[in-house]
Protein backbone atom coordinates (compact mmCIF):
# COMPACT_ATOMS: atom_id res chain seq x y z
CA MET A 1 -6.97 7.20 -17.06
CA ARG A 2 -7.25 10.43 -14.96
CA HIS A 3 -6.31 9.61 -11.41
CA LYS A 4 -8.27 11.13 -8.50
CA ILE A 5 -6.45 12.32 -5.41
CA LEU A 6 -7.72 13.48 -2.03
CA VAL A 7 -5.38 15.90 -0.21
CA VAL A 8 -6.05 15.88 3.62
CA GLU A 9 -4.17 18.90 5.02
CA ASP A 10 -5.40 21.60 7.48
CA ASP A 11 -2.85 24.19 6.43
CA ARG A 12 -4.63 26.03 3.65
CA GLU A 13 -1.45 27.36 2.07
CA ILE A 14 0.22 23.94 1.93
CA ALA A 15 -2.98 22.25 0.75
CA GLY A 16 -3.41 24.82 -1.99
CA LEU A 17 0.18 24.47 -3.15
CA VAL A 18 -0.02 20.68 -3.22
CA ALA A 19 -3.33 20.64 -4.99
CA LEU A 20 -2.19 23.20 -7.59
CA ASN A 21 0.90 21.15 -8.50
CA LEU A 22 -0.95 17.85 -8.60
CA ARG A 23 -3.63 19.35 -10.88
CA ASP A 24 -0.85 20.67 -13.13
CA GLU A 25 0.07 16.99 -13.70
CA GLY A 26 -3.46 16.34 -15.04
CA TRP A 27 -4.80 14.68 -11.91
CA ALA A 28 -8.18 15.47 -10.34
CA VAL A 29 -7.76 16.77 -6.82
CA ASP A 30 -10.13 17.31 -3.88
CA ARG A 31 -9.18 18.87 -0.57
CA ALA A 32 -10.20 18.13 2.99
CA ALA A 33 -9.07 20.27 5.96
CA ASP A 34 -9.80 17.64 8.65
CA GLY A 35 -10.51 14.01 9.23
CA ARG A 36 -14.31 14.30 9.20
CA ALA A 37 -14.29 16.12 5.85
CA ALA A 38 -11.90 13.46 4.48
CA LEU A 39 -14.27 10.65 5.45
CA THR A 40 -17.15 12.52 3.83
CA HIS A 41 -15.19 12.73 0.58
CA LEU A 42 -14.12 9.08 0.80
CA ARG A 43 -17.76 7.96 1.19
CA ALA A 44 -18.75 9.93 -1.91
CA THR A 45 -15.83 9.33 -4.23
CA ALA A 46 -13.45 6.47 -5.14
CA TYR A 47 -9.99 7.94 -4.97
CA ASP A 48 -6.76 6.53 -6.45
CA LEU A 49 -4.59 8.13 -3.77
CA VAL A 50 -4.92 9.92 -0.40
CA VAL A 51 -2.22 12.44 0.53
CA LEU A 52 -2.60 12.52 4.29
CA ASP A 53 -1.11 14.99 6.79
CA LEU A 54 -0.75 13.25 10.14
CA MET A 55 -1.35 16.44 12.16
CA LEU A 56 -5.10 17.10 11.82
CA PRO A 57 -7.21 19.36 14.06
CA ASP A 58 -10.03 16.93 14.83
CA MET A 59 -8.50 13.45 14.79
CA ASP A 60 -5.13 11.74 14.72
CA GLY A 61 -3.87 11.16 11.20
CA LEU A 62 -2.77 7.63 12.10
CA ASP A 63 -6.33 6.88 13.22
CA LEU A 64 -7.61 8.16 9.82
CA CYS A 65 -4.99 6.03 8.06
CA ARG A 66 -6.26 3.01 9.98
CA THR A 67 -9.87 3.80 9.09
CA ILE A 68 -9.05 4.22 5.36
CA ARG A 69 -7.27 0.85 5.44
CA SER A 70 -10.36 -0.84 6.87
CA ARG A 71 -12.49 0.30 3.88
CA ASP A 72 -13.24 -1.95 0.91
CA ASP A 73 -11.99 0.61 -1.67
CA ASP A 74 -8.71 1.00 0.24
CA PRO A 75 -6.77 3.61 -1.84
CA PRO A 76 -3.02 4.01 -1.58
CA ILE A 77 -1.89 6.50 1.13
CA LEU A 78 1.09 8.91 1.06
CA ILE A 79 1.60 10.42 4.47
CA LEU A 80 2.99 13.87 5.20
CA THR A 81 4.85 14.08 8.51
CA ALA A 82 7.34 16.24 10.40
CA ARG A 83 11.00 15.41 9.72
CA THR A 84 11.57 14.49 13.35
CA ALA A 85 8.50 12.27 13.79
CA GLU A 86 10.23 9.01 12.96
CA LEU A 87 7.81 6.97 15.14
CA ASP A 88 4.84 8.36 13.17
CA ARG A 89 6.50 7.30 9.91
CA VAL A 90 7.13 3.84 11.22
CA VAL A 91 3.59 3.39 12.59
CA GLY A 92 2.11 4.88 9.40
CA LEU A 93 3.97 2.37 7.28
CA GLU A 94 2.95 -0.48 9.53
CA LEU A 95 -0.68 0.62 9.33
CA GLY A 96 -0.44 0.29 5.53
CA ALA A 97 0.66 3.68 4.28
CA ASP A 98 2.38 3.23 0.90
CA ASP A 99 4.93 6.06 1.13
CA TYR A 100 5.77 9.18 3.13
CA VAL A 101 7.16 12.66 2.57
CA THR A 102 8.70 14.66 5.42
CA LYS A 103 7.93 18.32 6.09
CA PRO A 104 9.31 20.70 4.94
CA PHE A 105 9.17 18.95 1.55
CA SER A 106 9.96 19.74 -2.07
CA VAL A 107 6.85 19.85 -4.23
CA ARG A 108 8.86 18.26 -6.99
CA GLU A 109 9.71 15.35 -4.70
CA LEU A 110 6.08 14.97 -3.69
CA VAL A 111 4.94 14.91 -7.34
CA ALA A 112 7.62 12.36 -8.14
CA ARG A 113 6.50 10.16 -5.25
CA VAL A 114 2.90 10.38 -6.49
CA ARG A 115 3.97 9.43 -10.00
CA ALA A 116 5.87 6.44 -8.64
CA LEU A 117 2.92 5.26 -6.61
CA PHE A 118 0.65 5.49 -9.62
CA ARG A 119 3.14 3.56 -11.78
CA ARG A 120 3.20 0.75 -9.21
CA VAL A 121 -0.61 0.69 -8.87
CA ASP A 122 -1.13 0.76 -12.65
CA LYS A 123 1.46 -2.01 -13.11
CA ALA A 124 -0.22 -4.13 -10.43
CA ARG A 125 -3.60 -3.59 -12.11
CA GLY A 126 -2.25 -4.45 -15.49
CA GLY A 127 -2.07 -0.83 -16.75
CA ASP A 128 -3.89 0.19 -19.92
CA ARG A 129 -1.86 -1.89 -22.32
CA GLY A 130 -2.86 -5.20 -23.90
CA ARG A 131 -5.18 -7.74 -22.23
CA PRO A 132 -5.90 -7.51 -18.51
CA PRO A 133 -3.75 -9.81 -16.37
CA GLU A 134 -5.12 -13.27 -15.76
CA PRO A 135 -5.87 -14.48 -12.19
CA ILE A 136 -3.06 -16.45 -10.61
CA GLU A 137 -3.93 -19.79 -8.98
CA ALA A 138 -1.58 -21.63 -6.63
CA PHE A 139 -2.39 -24.30 -4.04
CA GLY A 140 -5.95 -23.14 -3.35
CA LEU A 141 -5.06 -19.44 -3.41
CA VAL A 142 -6.45 -17.35 -6.29
CA LEU A 143 -5.23 -13.74 -6.80
CA ASP A 144 -6.94 -11.55 -9.38
CA PRO A 145 -4.67 -8.62 -10.25
CA GLU A 146 -7.25 -6.75 -12.24
CA ARG A 147 -9.95 -6.79 -9.56
CA ARG A 148 -7.44 -6.92 -6.78
CA ARG A 149 -9.24 -9.80 -5.14
CA VAL A 150 -7.95 -12.79 -3.28
CA THR A 151 -9.62 -16.03 -2.29
CA VAL A 152 -8.20 -18.94 -0.28
CA ASP A 153 -10.02 -22.26 -0.74
CA ALA A 154 -12.88 -20.22 -2.30
CA ARG A 155 -13.07 -17.98 0.76
CA PRO A 156 -12.76 -14.22 0.00
CA VAL A 157 -9.92 -12.48 1.83
CA GLN A 158 -9.91 -8.70 2.45
CA LEU A 159 -6.40 -7.29 2.09
CA THR A 160 -5.05 -3.78 2.38
CA ALA A 161 -3.42 -2.28 -0.75
CA LYS A 162 0.05 -3.01 0.50
CA GLU A 163 -0.80 -6.52 1.68
CA PHE A 164 -2.17 -7.26 -1.78
CA ASP A 165 0.92 -5.82 -3.47
CA LEU A 166 3.16 -7.89 -1.21
CA LEU A 167 1.24 -11.10 -1.90
CA HIS A 168 1.13 -10.33 -5.60
CA HIS A 169 4.87 -9.98 -5.65
CA PHE A 170 5.32 -13.32 -3.91
CA VAL A 171 2.94 -15.32 -6.12
CA ARG A 172 4.51 -13.91 -9.25
CA HIS A 173 7.93 -15.23 -8.17
CA PRO A 174 7.29 -18.71 -6.57
CA GLY A 175 10.32 -20.38 -5.04
CA ARG A 176 12.41 -17.19 -4.98
CA VAL A 177 13.69 -16.06 -1.59
CA TYR A 178 13.59 -12.30 -0.81
CA SER A 179 15.25 -10.51 2.03
CA ARG A 180 13.31 -7.89 3.94
CA ALA A 181 15.45 -5.12 2.33
CA GLN A 182 14.66 -6.51 -1.16
CA LEU A 183 10.93 -6.59 -0.42
CA LEU A 184 11.03 -3.11 1.00
CA ASP A 185 12.66 -1.85 -2.24
CA LEU A 186 10.51 -3.86 -4.64
CA VAL A 187 7.13 -3.45 -2.97
CA TRP A 188 7.40 -0.18 -1.03
CA GLY A 189 9.88 1.49 -3.33
CA ARG A 190 13.13 3.33 -2.75
CA GLY A 191 13.46 5.75 0.18
CA HIS A 192 12.34 3.30 2.91
CA ASP A 193 15.76 2.10 3.97
CA GLY A 194 15.88 1.20 7.67
CA TYR A 195 12.22 0.18 7.91
CA GLU A 196 12.68 -3.57 7.35
CA HIS A 197 10.56 -4.31 10.44
CA THR A 198 7.62 -2.94 8.46
CA VAL A 199 7.97 -5.95 6.14
CA ASN A 200 7.71 -8.25 9.17
CA SER A 201 4.50 -6.51 10.29
CA HIS A 202 2.86 -6.88 6.86
CA VAL A 203 3.96 -10.48 6.51
CA ASN A 204 2.47 -11.29 9.92
CA ARG A 205 -0.85 -9.60 9.08
CA LEU A 206 -0.91 -11.33 5.65
CA ARG A 207 -0.36 -14.71 7.25
CA ALA A 208 -3.15 -14.04 9.75
CA LYS A 209 -5.53 -13.50 6.81
CA ILE A 210 -4.56 -16.21 4.34
CA GLU A 211 -3.03 -18.99 6.39
CA ALA A 212 -5.08 -21.75 8.08
CA ASP A 213 -2.40 -21.80 10.78
CA PRO A 214 -0.26 -18.59 10.80
CA ALA A 215 2.26 -20.39 13.08
CA ALA A 216 2.86 -22.97 10.38
CA PRO A 217 2.37 -21.03 7.18
CA ARG A 218 1.82 -22.76 3.81
CA TYR A 219 2.01 -19.69 1.59
CA ILE A 220 4.47 -17.12 2.99
CA ARG A 221 7.31 -19.19 4.29
CA THR A 222 10.28 -18.02 6.33
CA VAL A 223 13.76 -18.93 5.09
CA TRP A 224 15.74 -18.55 8.30
CA GLY A 225 18.59 -16.09 8.12
CA VAL A 226 17.55 -14.90 4.66
CA GLY A 227 13.94 -13.79 4.28
CA TYR A 228 10.64 -15.04 2.88
CA LYS A 229 9.34 -16.94 -0.15
CA PHE A 230 6.15 -18.23 -1.75
CA PRO A 231 6.40 -22.01 -2.43
CA ASP A 232 6.88 -23.45 -5.89
CA GLY A 233 5.78 -27.01 -6.79
CA ASP A 234 8.86 -28.65 -5.23
CA ASP A 235 8.39 -26.65 -1.97
CA TRP A 236 4.77 -27.65 -1.79
CA ALA A 237 5.54 -31.32 -2.31
CA GLU A 238 8.09 -31.18 0.54
CA GLY A 239 5.50 -29.58 2.84
């Protein structure tokens, strides 16, 4: 499978360098110099990844990140941000960005991050090996890894890519308790140390979408002082 990438970067030299190196890996790459051009590309093409500079001339990169996350196709997002802009990184991750690279950055590191994102996406989708993964059913919730669809009591639920990945991880390991740091490492990947509050934000948004009563969650349960878990049969029987 040849992955398609959209690079959104207004600096022509940086955009050209990034695109050149990504194409050298065998990936198809389009470029957009501003937010409007990026949205035009996204309406015309289904991308497997968006590499997004947060400093764009016509719109805030975080607003574009939010817009992308509201779309049905909802591709993974790797944000590019200044080394000192910690708040932008935090907000970007909370909006659903999958990873970030700080400027100035090593092209080798960027390519490695893209490879890691594609490995996680391909694994979540079942990859190209063997039979496609079967839908997972648990207590009225159905998660289809191949189509990346979720229903709760037969009601379709629209999740962002990261919300889906987080829920997928939980339902594959019922009854197991995960700390925020563990979830950050397992779902977001290495390099996000210190952003545990991002896990809280995603859990809260996930609960708002799949729980009948987010204040008394059935699916994503808090284990006080430890972390979160998805119930197994015994947990469900206990309520």
